[in-house]
Amino acid sequence: METPDDYTLHVNRLLAALVLESVYGHLTTSLGEQYVKLTDTAMEATNATGALGGTLVDMIPFLKYVSAWMPGASWKRAALHAKQLVWEGPPYKYRTAWRERRSRRAVHRHH
C-alpha cells in the first residue's frame, strides 16, 4: 500500500469494487474508476448529513417540508445533494455493466 494513511479510503474503495464485481460482474482494475469515485463521493456526502436518526429533522419531522432555499436550511441542501449522488450510482453501474456484457468483458460465473 503506497498510502497507508488513507487506510479508510482503501477499505471503502475495496468494498465498492467487491459490490461492483458481485452484483454487476464488472472487474475493477483501478480504484480510480468512475464508479468507485462516485460511490466514495456519495458516501462522504451521506455521512456529512449526520447520523441516521440523530438529525434535527429526525426529531422534528415537519422540518422535511422546509424549502431548501430558506436561510438556515443548509442541512436540507446537503441532504438533497447526498440524495442526488446516491441516486446517480445505480443507473451508471447498470449502463456500465450492460456495455461490458455486450462486449463480453463482464465476468460470467457458472454454478
PDB file of N, CA and C in Angstrom:
ATOM      1  N   MET A   1       0.849  -1.167   0.000  1.00  0.00           N
ATOM      2  CA  MET A   1       0.000   0.000   0.000  1.00  0.00           C
ATOM      3  C   MET A   1       0.897   1.233   0.000  1.00  0.00           C
ATOM      4  N   GLU A   2       0.739   2.058  -1.003  1.00  0.00           N
ATOM      5  CA  GLU A   2       1.589   3.233  -1.141  1.00  0.00           C
ATOM      6  C   GLU A   2       1.218   4.356  -0.190  1.00  0.00           C
ATOM      7  N   THR A   3      -0.042   4.426   0.209  1.00  0.00           N
ATOM      8  CA  THR A   3      -0.505   5.498   1.098  1.00  0.00           C
ATOM      9  C   THR A   3      -1.238   4.899   2.301  1.00  0.00           C
ATOM     10  N   PRO A   4      -0.501   4.416   3.301  1.00  0.00           N
ATOM     11  CA  PRO A   4      -1.139   3.771   4.445  1.00  0.00           C
ATOM     12  C   PRO A   4      -2.004   4.717   5.288  1.00  0.00           C
ATOM     13  N   ASP A   5      -1.771   6.021   5.181  1.00  0.00           N
ATOM     14  CA  ASP A   5      -2.596   6.963   5.935  1.00  0.00           C
ATOM     15  C   ASP A   5      -4.033   6.996   5.412  1.00  0.00           C
ATOM     16  N   ASP A   6      -4.233   6.569   4.173  1.00  0.00           N
ATOM     17  CA  ASP A   6      -5.562   6.548   3.569  1.00  0.00           C
ATOM     18  C   ASP A   6      -6.218   5.171   3.717  1.00  0.00           C
ATOM     19  N   TYR A   7      -5.969   4.511   4.831  1.00  0.00           N
ATOM     20  CA  TYR A   7      -6.485   3.165   5.060  1.00  0.00           C
ATOM     21  C   TYR A   7      -8.003   3.098   4.892  1.00  0.00           C
ATOM     22  N   THR A   8      -8.729   4.030   5.489  1.00  0.00           N
ATOM     23  CA  THR A   8     -10.191   4.021   5.405  1.00  0.00           C
ATOM     24  C   THR A   8     -10.649   4.158   3.957  1.00  0.00           C
ATOM     25  N   LEU A   9     -10.007   5.028   3.222  1.00  0.00           N
ATOM     26  CA  LEU A   9     -10.344   5.208   1.814  1.00  0.00           C
ATOM     27  C   LEU A   9     -10.120   3.911   1.035  1.00  0.00           C
ATOM     28  N   HIS A  10      -9.016   3.234   1.309  1.00  0.00           N
ATOM     29  CA  HIS A  10      -8.720   1.975   0.619  1.00  0.00           C
ATOM     30  C   HIS A  10      -9.774   0.911   0.930  1.00  0.00           C
ATOM     31  N   VAL A  11     -10.192   0.822   2.191  1.00  0.00           N
ATOM     32  CA  VAL A  11     -11.211  -0.170   2.570  1.00  0.00           C
ATOM     33  C   VAL A  11     -12.528   0.159   1.883  1.00  0.00           C
ATOM     34  N   ASN A  12     -12.926   1.437   1.880  1.00  0.00           N
ATOM     35  CA  ASN A  12     -14.168   1.832   1.221  1.00  0.00           C
ATOM     36  C   ASN A  12     -14.136   1.512  -0.264  1.00  0.00           C
ATOM     37  N   ARG A  13     -13.027   1.781  -0.896  1.00  0.00           N
ATOM     38  CA  ARG A  13     -12.921   1.514  -2.332  1.00  0.00           C
ATOM     39  C   ARG A  13     -12.896   0.016  -2.626  1.00  0.00           C
ATOM     40  N   LEU A  14     -12.277  -0.754  -1.743  1.00  0.00           N
ATOM     41  CA  LEU A  14     -12.294  -2.207  -1.913  1.00  0.00           C
ATOM     42  C   LEU A  14     -13.725  -2.733  -1.837  1.00  0.00           C
ATOM     43  N   LEU A  15     -14.489  -2.238  -0.867  1.00  0.00           N
ATOM     44  CA  LEU A  15     -15.877  -2.668  -0.747  1.00  0.00           C
ATOM     45  C   LEU A  15     -16.690  -2.290  -1.979  1.00  0.00           C
ATOM     46  N   ALA A  16     -16.463  -1.105  -2.499  1.00  0.00           N
ATOM     47  CA  ALA A  16     -17.162  -0.683  -3.721  1.00  0.00           C
ATOM     48  C   ALA A  16     -16.811  -1.603  -4.882  1.00  0.00           C
ATOM     49  N   ALA A  17     -15.555  -1.966  -4.998  1.00  0.00           N
ATOM     50  CA  ALA A  17     -15.118  -2.857  -6.075  1.00  0.00           C
ATOM     51  C   ALA A  17     -15.731  -4.246  -5.919  1.00  0.00           C
ATOM     52  N   LEU A  18     -15.830  -4.731  -4.689  1.00  0.00           N
ATOM     53  CA  LEU A  18     -16.440  -6.044  -4.450  1.00  0.00           C
ATOM     54  C   LEU A  18     -17.917  -6.053  -4.829  1.00  0.00           C
ATOM     55  N   VAL A  19     -18.623  -4.996  -4.480  1.00  0.00           N
ATOM     56  CA  VAL A  19     -20.037  -4.898  -4.836  1.00  0.00           C
ATOM     57  C   VAL A  19     -20.196  -4.859  -6.348  1.00  0.00           C
ATOM     58  N   LEU A  20     -19.383  -4.077  -7.007  1.00  0.00           N
ATOM     59  CA  LEU A  20     -19.475  -3.958  -8.462  1.00  0.00           C
ATOM     60  C   LEU A  20     -19.231  -5.302  -9.141  1.00  0.00           C
ATOM     61  N   GLU A  21     -18.273  -6.063  -8.627  1.00  0.00           N
ATOM     62  CA  GLU A  21     -17.995  -7.370  -9.231  1.00  0.00           C
ATOM     63  C   GLU A  21     -19.093  -8.380  -8.924  1.00  0.00           C
ATOM     64  N   SER A  22     -19.542  -8.441  -7.675  1.00  0.00           N
ATOM     65  CA  SER A  22     -20.520  -9.469  -7.314  1.00  0.00           C
ATOM     66  C   SER A  22     -21.917  -9.189  -7.858  1.00  0.00           C
ATOM     67  N   VAL A  23     -22.311  -7.933  -7.957  1.00  0.00           N
ATOM     68  CA  VAL A  23     -23.657  -7.607  -8.425  1.00  0.00           C
ATOM     69  C   VAL A  23     -23.718  -7.427  -9.935  1.00  0.00           C
ATOM     70  N   TYR A  24     -22.718  -6.743 -10.493  1.00  0.00           N
ATOM     71  CA  TYR A  24     -22.776  -6.390 -11.911  1.00  0.00           C
ATOM     72  C   TYR A  24     -21.793  -7.173 -12.782  1.00  0.00           C
ATOM     73  N   GLY A  25     -20.903  -7.968 -12.184  1.00  0.00           N
ATOM     74  CA  GLY A  25     -19.958  -8.749 -12.963  1.00  0.00           C
ATOM     75  C   GLY A  25     -18.822  -7.936 -13.546  1.00  0.00           C
ATOM     76  N   HIS A  26     -18.579  -6.763 -12.997  1.00  0.00           N
ATOM     77  CA  HIS A  26     -17.525  -5.878 -13.503  1.00  0.00           C
ATOM     78  C   HIS A  26     -16.277  -6.016 -12.647  1.00  0.00           C
ATOM     79  N   LEU A  27     -15.164  -6.361 -13.264  1.00  0.00           N
ATOM     80  CA  LEU A  27     -13.900  -6.438 -12.542  1.00  0.00           C
ATOM     81  C   LEU A  27     -13.276  -5.053 -12.496  1.00  0.00           C
ATOM     82  N   THR A  28     -13.073  -4.541 -11.311  1.00  0.00           N
ATOM     83  CA  THR A  28     -12.474  -3.227 -11.144  1.00  0.00           C
ATOM     84  C   THR A  28     -10.965  -3.368 -11.254  1.00  0.00           C
ATOM     85  N   THR A  29     -10.396  -2.699 -12.212  1.00  0.00           N
ATOM     86  CA  THR A  29      -8.951  -2.794 -12.415  1.00  0.00           C
ATOM     87  C   THR A  29      -8.203  -1.667 -11.730  1.00  0.00           C
ATOM     88  N   SER A  30      -8.917  -0.594 -11.416  1.00  0.00           N
ATOM     89  CA  SER A  30      -8.288   0.552 -10.772  1.00  0.00           C
ATOM     90  C   SER A  30      -9.255   1.155  -9.762  1.00  0.00           C
ATOM     91  N   LEU A  31      -8.721   1.540  -8.619  1.00  0.00           N
ATOM     92  CA  LEU A  31      -9.574   2.169  -7.625  1.00  0.00           C
ATOM     93  C   LEU A  31      -9.891   3.614  -8.003  1.00  0.00           C
ATOM     94  N   GLY A  32      -9.393   4.045  -9.131  1.00  0.00           N
ATOM     95  CA  GLY A  32      -9.692   5.369  -9.624  1.00  0.00           C
ATOM     96  C   GLY A  32     -10.814   5.372 -10.653  1.00  0.00           C
ATOM     97  N   GLU A  33     -11.472   4.231 -10.840  1.00  0.00           N
ATOM     98  CA  GLU A  33     -12.567   4.149 -11.801  1.00  0.00           C
ATOM     99  C   GLU A  33     -13.715   5.064 -11.389  1.00  0.00           C
ATOM    100  N   GLN A  34     -14.464   5.501 -12.380  1.00  0.00           N
ATOM    101  CA  GLN A  34     -15.553   6.453 -12.150  1.00  0.00           C
ATOM    102  C   GLN A  34     -16.555   5.940 -11.121  1.00  0.00           C
ATOM    103  N   TYR A  35     -16.937   4.650 -11.221  1.00  0.00           N
ATOM    104  CA  TYR A  35     -17.919   4.111 -10.278  1.00  0.00           C
ATOM    105  C   TYR A  35     -17.413   4.182  -8.847  1.00  0.00           C
ATOM    106  N   VAL A  36     -16.159   3.834  -8.647  1.00  0.00           N
ATOM    107  CA  VAL A  36     -15.593   3.832  -7.304  1.00  0.00           C
ATOM    108  C   VAL A  36     -15.551   5.262  -6.755  1.00  0.00           C
ATOM    109  N   LYS A  37     -15.170   6.200  -7.606  1.00  0.00           N
ATOM    110  CA  LYS A  37     -15.152   7.606  -7.185  1.00  0.00           C
ATOM    111  C   LYS A  37     -16.558   8.101  -6.864  1.00  0.00           C
ATOM    112  N   LEU A  38     -17.519   7.710  -7.697  1.00  0.00           N
ATOM    113  CA  LEU A  38     -18.909   8.103  -7.476  1.00  0.00           C
ATOM    114  C   LEU A  38     -19.422   7.559  -6.146  1.00  0.00           C
ATOM    115  N   THR A  39     -19.091   6.317  -5.848  1.00  0.00           N
ATOM    116  CA  THR A  39     -19.506   5.718  -4.588  1.00  0.00           C
ATOM    117  C   THR A  39     -18.868   6.430  -3.406  1.00  0.00           C
ATOM    118  N   ASP A  40     -17.578   6.742  -3.510  1.00  0.00           N
ATOM    119  CA  ASP A  40     -16.891   7.482  -2.445  1.00  0.00           C
ATOM    120  C   ASP A  40     -17.551   8.829  -2.184  1.00  0.00           C
ATOM    121  N   THR A  41     -17.822   9.556  -3.250  1.00  0.00           N
ATOM    122  CA  THR A  41     -18.427  10.877  -3.121  1.00  0.00           C
ATOM    123  C   THR A  41     -19.811  10.783  -2.486  1.00  0.00           C
ATOM    124  N   ALA A  42     -20.600   9.801  -2.896  1.00  0.00           N
ATOM    125  CA  ALA A  42     -21.941   9.622  -2.333  1.00  0.00           C
ATOM    126  C   ALA A  42     -21.870   9.256  -0.852  1.00  0.00           C
ATOM    127  N   MET A  43     -20.920   8.393  -0.480  1.00  0.00           N
ATOM    128  CA  MET A  43     -20.780   8.020   0.933  1.00  0.00           C
ATOM    129  C   MET A  43     -20.355   9.210   1.782  1.00  0.00           C
ATOM    130  N   GLU A  44     -19.416  10.001   1.271  1.00  0.00           N
ATOM    131  CA  GLU A  44     -18.967  11.174   2.013  1.00  0.00           C
ATOM    132  C   GLU A  44     -20.100  12.177   2.200  1.00  0.00           C
ATOM    133  N   ALA A  45     -20.878  12.411   1.150  1.00  0.00           N
ATOM    134  CA  ALA A  45     -21.990  13.355   1.240  1.00  0.00           C
ATOM    135  C   ALA A  45     -23.062  12.847   2.202  1.00  0.00           C
ATOM    136  N   THR A  46     -23.324  11.552   2.177  1.00  0.00           N
ATOM    137  CA  THR A  46     -24.319  10.977   3.085  1.00  0.00           C
ATOM    138  C   THR A  46     -23.847  11.073   4.528  1.00  0.00           C
ATOM    139  N   ASN A  47     -22.588  10.766   4.767  1.00  0.00           N
ATOM    140  CA  ASN A  47     -22.047  10.860   6.129  1.00  0.00           C
ATOM    141  C   ASN A  47     -22.048  12.290   6.639  1.00  0.00           C
ATOM    142  N   ALA A  48     -21.876  13.258   5.745  1.00  0.00           N
ATOM    143  CA  ALA A  48     -21.847  14.665   6.140  1.00  0.00           C
ATOM    144  C   ALA A  48     -23.214  15.165   6.600  1.00  0.00           C
ATOM    145  N   THR A  49     -24.289  14.464   6.232  1.00  0.00           N
ATOM    146  CA  THR A  49     -25.626  14.910   6.638  1.00  0.00           C
ATOM    147  C   THR A  49     -25.931  14.563   8.080  1.00  0.00           C
ATOM    148  N   GLY A  50     -25.134  13.710   8.699  1.00  0.00           N
ATOM    149  CA  GLY A  50     -25.340  13.367  10.109  1.00  0.00           C
ATOM    150  C   GLY A  50     -25.704  11.914  10.283  1.00  0.00           C
ATOM    151  N   ALA A  51     -25.715  11.512  11.532  1.00  0.00           N
ATOM    152  CA  ALA A  51     -26.020  10.123  11.864  1.00  0.00           C
ATOM    153  C   ALA A  51     -27.493   9.818  11.615  1.00  0.00           C
ATOM    154  N   LEU A  52     -27.771   8.609  11.168  1.00  0.00           N
ATOM    155  CA  LEU A  52     -29.140   8.174  10.920  1.00  0.00           C
ATOM    156  C   LEU A  52     -29.954   8.263  12.213  1.00  0.00           C
ATOM    157  N   GLY A  53     -31.042   8.985  12.166  1.00  0.00           N
ATOM    158  CA  GLY A  53     -31.895   9.127  13.343  1.00  0.00           C
ATOM    159  C   GLY A  53     -31.418  10.172  14.329  1.00  0.00           C
ATOM    160  N   GLY A  54     -30.306  10.818  14.056  1.00  0.00           N
ATOM    161  CA  GLY A  54     -29.748  11.770  15.009  1.00  0.00           C
ATOM    162  C   GLY A  54     -29.788  13.216  14.558  1.00  0.00           C
ATOM    163  N   THR A  55     -30.465  13.485  13.457  1.00  0.00           N
ATOM    164  CA  THR A  55     -30.522  14.859  12.973  1.00  0.00           C
ATOM    165  C   THR A  55     -31.793  15.538  13.471  1.00  0.00           C
ATOM    166  N   LEU A  56     -31.804  16.844  13.365  1.00  0.00           N
ATOM    167  CA  LEU A  56     -32.945  17.619  13.844  1.00  0.00           C
ATOM    168  C   LEU A  56     -34.229  17.243  13.106  1.00  0.00           C
ATOM    169  N   VAL A  57     -34.118  16.983  11.809  1.00  0.00           N
ATOM    170  CA  VAL A  57     -35.309  16.622  11.035  1.00  0.00           C
ATOM    171  C   VAL A  57     -35.860  15.255  11.477  1.00  0.00           C
ATOM    172  N   ASP A  58     -35.019  14.394  12.020  1.00  0.00           N
ATOM    173  CA  ASP A  58     -35.497  13.113  12.544  1.00  0.00           C
ATOM    174  C   ASP A  58     -36.292  13.310  13.827  1.00  0.00           C
ATOM    175  N   MET A  59     -35.945  14.336  14.572  1.00  0.00           N
ATOM    176  CA  MET A  59     -36.625  14.607  15.846  1.00  0.00           C
ATOM    177  C   MET A  59     -37.852  15.503  15.663  1.00  0.00           C
ATOM    178  N   ILE A  60     -37.822  16.336  14.644  1.00  0.00           N
ATOM    179  CA  ILE A  60     -38.948  17.233  14.350  1.00  0.00           C
ATOM    180  C   ILE A  60     -39.342  16.978  12.894  1.00  0.00           C
ATOM    181  N   PRO A  61     -40.173  15.975  12.655  1.00  0.00           N
ATOM    182  CA  PRO A  61     -40.447  15.512  11.287  1.00  0.00           C
ATOM    183  C   PRO A  61     -41.004  16.560  10.325  1.00  0.00           C
ATOM    184  N   PHE A  62     -41.738  17.553  10.794  1.00  0.00           N
ATOM    185  CA  PHE A  62     -42.305  18.526   9.862  1.00  0.00           C
ATOM    186  C   PHE A  62     -41.231  19.372   9.183  1.00  0.00           C
ATOM    187  N   LEU A  63     -39.987  19.317   9.677  1.00  0.00           N
ATOM    188  CA  LEU A  63     -38.906  20.066   9.041  1.00  0.00           C
ATOM    189  C   LEU A  63     -38.584  19.551   7.630  1.00  0.00           C
ATOM    190  N   LYS A  64     -39.000  18.328   7.330  1.00  0.00           N
ATOM    191  CA  LYS A  64     -38.727  17.822   5.977  1.00  0.00           C
ATOM    192  C   LYS A  64     -39.475  18.603   4.907  1.00  0.00           C
ATOM    193  N   TYR A  65     -40.462  19.405   5.319  1.00  0.00           N
ATOM    194  CA  TYR A  65     -41.221  20.214   4.369  1.00  0.00           C
ATOM    195  C   TYR A  65     -40.642  21.623   4.198  1.00  0.00           C
ATOM    196  N   VAL A  66     -39.563  21.931   4.910  1.00  0.00           N
ATOM    197  CA  VAL A  66     -38.908  23.232   4.793  1.00  0.00           C
ATOM    198  C   VAL A  66     -38.238  23.311   3.426  1.00  0.00           C
ATOM    199  N   SER A  67     -38.371  24.451   2.768  1.00  0.00           N
ATOM    200  CA  SER A  67     -37.746  24.633   1.450  1.00  0.00           C
ATOM    201  C   SER A  67     -36.234  24.776   1.595  1.00  0.00           C
ATOM    202  N   ALA A  68     -35.514  24.248   0.641  1.00  0.00           N
ATOM    203  CA  ALA A  68     -34.051  24.267   0.688  1.00  0.00           C
ATOM    204  C   ALA A  68     -33.484  25.675   0.552  1.00  0.00           C
ATOM    205  N   TRP A  69     -34.216  26.593  -0.047  1.00  0.00           N
ATOM    206  CA  TRP A  69     -33.726  27.952  -0.251  1.00  0.00           C
ATOM    207  C   TRP A  69     -33.797  28.796   1.023  1.00  0.00           C
ATOM    208  N   MET A  70     -34.520  28.340   2.027  1.00  0.00           N
ATOM    209  CA  MET A  70     -34.690  29.141   3.243  1.00  0.00           C
ATOM    210  C   MET A  70     -33.376  29.293   4.006  1.00  0.00           C
ATOM    211  N   PRO A  71     -33.176  30.470   4.605  1.00  0.00           N
ATOM    212  CA  PRO A  71     -31.981  30.651   5.438  1.00  0.00           C
ATOM    213  C   PRO A  71     -31.980  29.630   6.588  1.00  0.00           C
ATOM    214  N   GLY A  72     -30.825  29.072   6.858  1.00  0.00           N
ATOM    215  CA  GLY A  72     -30.713  28.084   7.925  1.00  0.00           C
ATOM    216  C   GLY A  72     -31.030  26.664   7.493  1.00  0.00           C
ATOM    217  N   ALA A  73     -31.375  26.479   6.218  1.00  0.00           N
ATOM    218  CA  ALA A  73     -31.728  25.146   5.729  1.00  0.00           C
ATOM    219  C   ALA A  73     -30.562  24.495   4.997  1.00  0.00           C
ATOM    220  N   SER A  74     -29.348  24.775   5.429  1.00  0.00           N
ATOM    221  CA  SER A  74     -28.184  24.158   4.773  1.00  0.00           C
ATOM    222  C   SER A  74     -28.215  22.640   4.933  1.00  0.00           C
ATOM    223  N   TRP A  75     -28.809  22.162   6.013  1.00  0.00           N
ATOM    224  CA  TRP A  75     -28.949  20.719   6.234  1.00  0.00           C
ATOM    225  C   TRP A  75     -29.807  20.102   5.134  1.00  0.00           C
ATOM    226  N   LYS A  76     -30.820  20.838   4.699  1.00  0.00           N
ATOM    227  CA  LYS A  76     -31.709  20.349   3.644  1.00  0.00           C
ATOM    228  C   LYS A  76     -30.967  20.296   2.308  1.00  0.00           C
ATOM    229  N   ARG A  77     -30.188  21.326   2.014  1.00  0.00           N
ATOM    230  CA  ARG A  77     -29.413  21.345   0.777  1.00  0.00           C
ATOM    231  C   ARG A  77     -28.392  20.212   0.766  1.00  0.00           C
ATOM    232  N   ALA A  78     -27.749  19.973   1.905  1.00  0.00           N
ATOM    233  CA  ALA A  78     -26.769  18.880   1.996  1.00  0.00           C
ATOM    234  C   ALA A  78     -27.449  17.526   1.790  1.00  0.00           C
ATOM    235  N   ALA A  79     -28.634  17.362   2.365  1.00  0.00           N
ATOM    236  CA  ALA A  79     -29.361  16.095   2.217  1.00  0.00           C
ATOM    237  C   ALA A  79     -29.801  15.882   0.774  1.00  0.00           C
ATOM    238  N   LEU A  80     -30.267  16.935   0.119  1.00  0.00           N
ATOM    239  CA  LEU A  80     -30.685  16.816  -1.286  1.00  0.00           C
ATOM    240  C   LEU A  80     -29.494  16.505  -2.197  1.00  0.00           C
ATOM    241  N   HIS A  81     -28.346  17.099  -1.890  1.00  0.00           N
ATOM    242  CA  HIS A  81     -27.137  16.815  -2.660  1.00  0.00           C
ATOM    243  C   HIS A  81     -26.724  15.349  -2.495  1.00  0.00           C
ATOM    244  N   ALA A  82     -26.756  14.860  -1.260  1.00  0.00           N
ATOM    245  CA  ALA A  82     -26.402  13.458  -0.999  1.00  0.00           C
ATOM    246  C   ALA A  82     -27.376  12.523  -1.711  1.00  0.00           C
ATOM    247  N   LYS A  83     -28.649  12.868  -1.680  1.00  0.00           N
ATOM    248  CA  LYS A  83     -29.662  12.035  -2.345  1.00  0.00           C
ATOM    249  C   LYS A  83     -29.394  11.955  -3.842  1.00  0.00           C
ATOM    250  N   GLN A  84     -29.055  13.093  -4.445  1.00  0.00           N
ATOM    251  CA  GLN A  84     -28.761  13.117  -5.877  1.00  0.00           C
ATOM    252  C   GLN A  84     -27.566  12.226  -6.204  1.00  0.00           C
ATOM    253  N   LEU A  85     -26.513  12.306  -5.388  1.00  0.00           N
ATOM    254  CA  LEU A  85     -25.322  11.477  -5.630  1.00  0.00           C
ATOM    255  C   LEU A  85     -25.627   9.993  -5.478  1.00  0.00           C
ATOM    256  N   VAL A  86     -26.415   9.649  -4.464  1.00  0.00           N
ATOM    257  CA  VAL A  86     -26.760   8.245  -4.231  1.00  0.00           C
ATOM    258  C   VAL A  86     -27.591   7.708  -5.396  1.00  0.00           C
ATOM    259  N   TRP A  87     -28.515   8.517  -5.908  1.00  0.00           N
ATOM    260  CA  TRP A  87     -29.375   8.065  -6.999  1.00  0.00           C
ATOM    261  C   TRP A  87     -28.663   8.016  -8.341  1.00  0.00           C
ATOM    262  N   GLU A  88     -27.527   8.696  -8.484  1.00  0.00           N
ATOM    263  CA  GLU A  88     -26.767   8.630  -9.732  1.00  0.00           C
ATOM    264  C   GLU A  88     -26.054   7.295  -9.887  1.00  0.00           C
ATOM    265  N   GLY A  89     -25.734   6.644  -8.793  1.00  0.00           N
ATOM    266  CA  GLY A  89     -24.940   5.421  -8.822  1.00  0.00           C
ATOM    267  C   GLY A  89     -25.537   4.261  -9.579  1.00  0.00           C
ATOM    268  N   PRO A  90     -26.733   3.778  -9.204  1.00  0.00           N
ATOM    269  CA  PRO A  90     -27.273   2.588  -9.884  1.00  0.00           C
ATOM    270  C   PRO A  90     -27.425   2.717 -11.388  1.00  0.00           C
ATOM    271  N   PRO A  91     -27.936   3.817 -11.929  1.00  0.00           N
ATOM    272  CA  PRO A  91     -28.014   3.879 -13.399  1.00  0.00           C
ATOM    273  C   PRO A  91     -26.638   3.823 -14.061  1.00  0.00           C
ATOM    274  N   TYR A  92     -25.645   4.479 -13.455  1.00  0.00           N
ATOM    275  CA  TYR A  92     -24.296   4.450 -14.020  1.00  0.00           C
ATOM    276  C   TYR A  92     -23.744   3.030 -14.000  1.00  0.00           C
ATOM    277  N   LYS A  93     -23.908   2.347 -12.866  1.00  0.00           N
ATOM    278  CA  LYS A  93     -23.407   0.974 -12.745  1.00  0.00           C
ATOM    279  C   LYS A  93     -24.105   0.051 -13.739  1.00  0.00           C
ATOM    280  N   TYR A  94     -25.407   0.225 -13.877  1.00  0.00           N
ATOM    281  CA  TYR A  94     -26.152  -0.625 -14.793  1.00  0.00           C
ATOM    282  C   TYR A  94     -25.701  -0.411 -16.235  1.00  0.00           C
ATOM    283  N   ARG A  95     -25.575   0.855 -16.642  1.00  0.00           N
ATOM    284  CA  ARG A  95     -25.142   1.143 -18.015  1.00  0.00           C
ATOM    285  C   ARG A  95     -23.751   0.576 -18.285  1.00  0.00           C
ATOM    286  N   THR A  96     -22.858   0.704 -17.310  1.00  0.00           N
ATOM    287  CA  THR A  96     -21.501   0.178 -17.467  1.00  0.00           C
ATOM    288  C   THR A  96     -21.531  -1.341 -17.607  1.00  0.00           C
ATOM    289  N   ALA A  97     -22.291  -2.001 -16.740  1.00  0.00           N
ATOM    290  CA  ALA A  97     -22.383  -3.460 -16.797  1.00  0.00           C
ATOM    291  C   ALA A  97     -23.023  -3.917 -18.105  1.00  0.00           C
ATOM    292  N   TRP A  98     -24.038  -3.196 -18.557  1.00  0.00           N
ATOM    293  CA  TRP A  98     -24.708  -3.554 -19.804  1.00  0.00           C
ATOM    294  C   TRP A  98     -23.747  -3.455 -20.980  1.00  0.00           C
ATOM    295  N   ARG A  99     -22.953  -2.377 -21.033  1.00  0.00           N
ATOM    296  CA  ARG A  99     -21.969  -2.223 -22.109  1.00  0.00           C
ATOM    297  C   ARG A  99     -20.937  -3.337 -22.061  1.00  0.00           C
ATOM    298  N   GLU A 100     -20.509  -3.705 -20.858  1.00  0.00           N
ATOM    299  CA  GLU A 100     -19.499  -4.771 -20.744  1.00  0.00           C
ATOM    300  C   GLU A 100     -20.063  -6.124 -21.126  1.00  0.00           C
ATOM    301  N   ARG A 101     -21.305  -6.371 -20.787  1.00  0.00           N
ATOM    302  CA  ARG A 101     -21.926  -7.630 -21.190  1.00  0.00           C
ATOM    303  C   ARG A 101     -21.986  -7.710 -22.711  1.00  0.00           C
ATOM    304  N   ARG A 102     -22.331  -6.610 -23.329  1.00  0.00           N
ATOM    305  CA  ARG A 102     -22.410  -6.584 -24.794  1.00  0.00           C
ATOM    306  C   ARG A 102     -21.048  -6.806 -25.423  1.00  0.00           C
ATOM    307  N   SER A 103     -20.012  -6.311 -24.757  1.00  0.00           N
ATOM    308  CA  SER A 103     -18.672  -6.502 -25.306  1.00  0.00           C
ATOM    309  C   SER A 103     -18.011  -7.761 -24.751  1.00  0.00           C
ATOM    310  N   ARG A 104     -18.739  -8.499 -23.926  1.00  0.00           N
ATOM    311  CA  ARG A 104     -18.294  -9.768 -23.343  1.00  0.00           C
ATOM    312  C   ARG A 104     -17.091  -9.619 -22.419  1.00  0.00           C
ATOM    313  N   ARG A 105     -16.956  -8.450 -21.774  1.00  0.00           N
ATOM    314  CA  ARG A 105     -15.861  -8.269 -20.832  1.00  0.00           C
ATOM    315  C   ARG A 105     -16.288  -8.572 -19.398  1.00  0.00           C
ATOM    316  N   ALA A 106     -17.582  -8.677 -19.158  1.00  0.00           N
ATOM    317  CA  ALA A 106     -18.061  -8.913 -17.804  1.00  0.00           C
ATOM    318  C   ALA A 106     -17.722 -10.338 -17.380  1.00  0.00           C
ATOM    319  N   VAL A 107     -17.624 -10.551 -16.103  1.00  0.00           N
ATOM    320  CA  VAL A 107     -17.315 -11.860 -15.549  1.00  0.00           C
ATOM    321  C   VAL A 107     -18.578 -12.706 -15.593  1.00  0.00           C
ATOM    322  N   HIS A 108     -18.477 -13.908 -16.119  1.00  0.00           N
ATOM    323  CA  HIS A 108     -19.595 -14.827 -16.146  1.00  0.00           C
ATOM    324  C   HIS A 108     -19.257 -15.992 -15.225  1.00  0.00           C
ATOM    325  N   ARG A 109     -20.107 -16.203 -14.256  1.00  0.00           N
ATOM    326  CA  ARG A 109     -19.874 -17.285 -13.313  1.00  0.00           C
ATOM    327  C   ARG A 109     -20.903 -18.390 -13.569  1.00  0.00           C
ATOM    328  N   HIS A 110     -20.434 -19.604 -13.650  1.00  0.00           N
ATOM    329  CA  HIS A 110     -21.315 -20.741 -13.836  1.00  0.00           C
ATOM    330  C   HIS A 110     -21.288 -21.575 -12.582  1.00  0.00           C
ATOM    331  N   HIS A 111     -22.446 -21.954 -12.116  1.00  0.00           N
ATOM    332  CA  HIS A 111     -22.534 -22.769 -10.886  1.00  0.00           C
ATOM    333  C   HIS A 111     -22.767 -24.204 -11.222  1.00  0.00           C
TER     334      HIS A 111
END
